[in-house]
Structure formats: structure tokens, C-alpha cells
Amino acid sequence: MTFLHLYSTINNSKRRELIKRQNHLQAGVSKLNEAKALVDELNRKAGEQSVLLKMKQDEADAALQEITISMQSASEQKTEMEKIKHRIAEEAAEIEERKRKIEDELKEA
């Protein structure tokens, strides 16, 4: 009887240890599954953000291109205006010179 009692005690002890270990391992597996689900969700969100970032970057690049073209156009217009201003100043000087000559001729006449 003692042998059976000892066997039963050891068996119950081992069973409790195995159940405890099994519960511990199941909790670990559960945590790993939760972590995997979280990583999958974060990867999905990162993918969405990546697509959104690409769209915004493309919009920013297009806006920058428009600004660059606009600035080049403004620079060309400024250069053209400077040329016109210079030409008008030269013409004004020529007109002033002709006016002076005509006035001199009228004084002599």
C-alpha cells in the first residue's frame, strides 16, 4: 500500500508540475500570438503611411517644380524689363540730344 501511495503522490506532483509548465507555455504562446498580431497591424499601418507619404512627396515635388518654373519665368521677365528699361533710357537720351540740337538750331534761326 505504501508503494501505491508513494507512486500516487509522485504522479500527482509531476502532473501538477506538468500542468503548471503547460499553462506557463500556453501563456507564452498567447503573448507571442498577441505580439505577432500587433506587428502585423503595425506593418499594415506602416504600409498605408508609406503610400500616403509617397503621394504627399509627389505633390510636394510637383509644387516645387511649379515654383521653380514660376521663378525662372519671373527672372526672365525681370531680365527683359531691365533690357527695355535700358533701351528706353538710351532712347530718352537720344531724344534729349535731338531736342537740344533742334533748340540750338531754332536759336540760330
Protein backbone atom coordinates (compact mmCIF):
# COMPACT_ATOMS: atom_id res chain seq x y z
CA MET A 1 0.00 0.00 0.00
CA THR A 2 2.81 2.39 0.75
CA PHE A 3 4.28 1.85 -2.68
CA LEU A 4 0.98 2.75 -4.34
CA HIS A 5 0.55 5.75 -2.10
CA LEU A 6 4.09 6.96 -2.89
CA TYR A 7 3.51 6.36 -6.60
CA SER A 8 0.23 8.30 -6.47
CA THR A 9 1.86 11.21 -4.62
CA ILE A 10 4.77 11.41 -7.07
CA ASN A 11 2.42 11.06 -10.02
CA ASN A 12 0.16 13.85 -8.74
CA SER A 13 3.16 16.07 -8.06
CA LYS A 14 4.57 15.51 -11.53
CA ARG A 15 1.13 16.06 -13.06
CA ARG A 16 0.77 19.40 -11.23
CA GLU A 17 4.26 20.46 -12.40
CA LEU A 18 3.44 19.49 -15.98
CA ILE A 19 0.10 21.31 -15.87
CA LYS A 20 1.82 24.37 -14.38
CA ARG A 21 4.50 24.25 -17.08
CA GLN A 22 1.88 23.71 -19.79
CA ASN A 23 -0.08 26.75 -18.56
CA HIS A 24 3.12 28.79 -18.50
CA LEU A 25 3.98 27.75 -22.07
CA GLN A 26 0.44 28.42 -23.26
CA ALA A 27 0.62 31.90 -21.74
CA GLY A 28 3.91 32.45 -23.57
CA VAL A 29 2.40 31.27 -26.86
CA SER A 30 -0.58 33.54 -26.27
CA LYS A 31 1.75 36.52 -25.70
CA LEU A 32 3.68 35.64 -28.87
CA ASN A 33 0.44 35.48 -30.86
CA GLU A 34 -0.60 38.88 -29.47
CA ALA A 35 2.80 40.31 -30.40
CA LYS A 36 2.51 38.84 -33.91
CA ALA A 37 -0.94 40.38 -34.33
CA LEU A 38 0.41 43.74 -33.14
CA VAL A 39 3.38 43.55 -35.52
CA ASP A 40 1.06 42.64 -38.40
CA GLU A 41 -1.18 45.62 -37.59
CA LEU A 42 1.80 47.96 -37.32
CA ASN A 43 3.15 46.67 -40.65
CA ARG A 44 -0.24 47.28 -42.27
CA LYS A 45 -0.39 50.82 -40.88
CA ALA A 46 3.21 51.45 -41.95
CA GLY A 47 2.30 50.32 -45.47
CA GLU A 48 -0.64 52.73 -45.55
CA GLN A 49 1.54 55.54 -44.24
CA SER A 50 4.18 54.73 -46.84
CA VAL A 51 1.61 55.07 -49.64
CA LEU A 52 0.35 58.34 -48.15
CA LEU A 53 3.91 59.62 -47.79
CA LYS A 54 4.65 58.77 -51.43
CA MET A 55 1.54 60.69 -52.55
CA LYS A 56 2.45 63.73 -50.44
CA GLN A 57 6.06 63.60 -51.68
CA ASP A 58 4.84 63.53 -55.28
CA GLU A 59 2.58 66.52 -54.57
CA ALA A 60 5.46 68.40 -52.95
CA ASP A 61 7.74 67.60 -55.90
CA ALA A 62 5.11 68.89 -58.34
CA ALA A 63 4.63 72.08 -56.31
CA LEU A 64 8.39 72.61 -56.17
CA GLN A 65 8.60 72.14 -59.94
CA GLU A 66 5.85 74.74 -60.45
CA ILE A 67 7.62 77.17 -58.13
CA THR A 68 10.91 76.63 -59.97
CA ILE A 69 9.27 77.27 -63.34
CA SER A 70 7.49 80.34 -61.96
CA MET A 71 10.74 81.72 -60.55
CA GLN A 72 12.56 81.13 -63.84
CA SER A 73 9.77 82.92 -65.69
CA ALA A 74 9.89 85.83 -63.24
CA SER A 75 13.66 86.03 -63.65
CA GLU A 76 13.34 86.07 -67.44
CA GLN A 77 10.68 88.78 -67.23
CA LYS A 78 12.90 90.83 -64.92
CA THR A 79 15.81 90.50 -67.35
CA GLU A 80 13.55 91.55 -70.24
CA MET A 81 12.26 94.52 -68.23
CA GLU A 82 15.83 95.58 -67.47
CA LYS A 83 16.65 95.46 -71.19
CA ILE A 84 13.55 97.50 -72.03
CA LYS A 85 14.37 100.00 -69.27
CA HIS A 86 17.91 100.35 -70.60
CA ARG A 87 16.65 100.77 -74.18
CA ILE A 88 14.12 103.41 -73.05
CA ALA A 89 16.87 105.28 -71.20
CA GLU A 90 19.03 105.22 -74.35
CA GLU A 91 16.11 106.42 -76.48
CA ALA A 92 15.33 109.15 -73.93
CA ALA A 93 18.96 110.28 -74.11
CA GLU A 94 18.81 110.31 -77.92
CA ILE A 95 15.56 112.27 -77.86
CA GLU A 96 17.03 114.72 -75.38
CA GLU A 97 20.08 115.13 -77.63
CA ARG A 98 17.87 115.72 -80.70
CA LYS A 99 15.75 118.17 -78.72
CA ARG A 100 18.86 120.08 -77.70
CA LYS A 101 20.08 120.19 -81.31
CA ILE A 102 16.69 121.37 -82.55
CA GLU A 103 16.56 124.07 -79.87
CA ASP A 104 20.08 125.15 -80.83
CA GLU A 105 19.05 125.31 -84.50
CA LEU A 106 15.97 127.34 -83.59
CA LYS A 107 18.08 129.78 -81.59
CA GLU A 108 20.38 130.26 -84.54
CA ALA A 109 17.49 130.78 -86.92
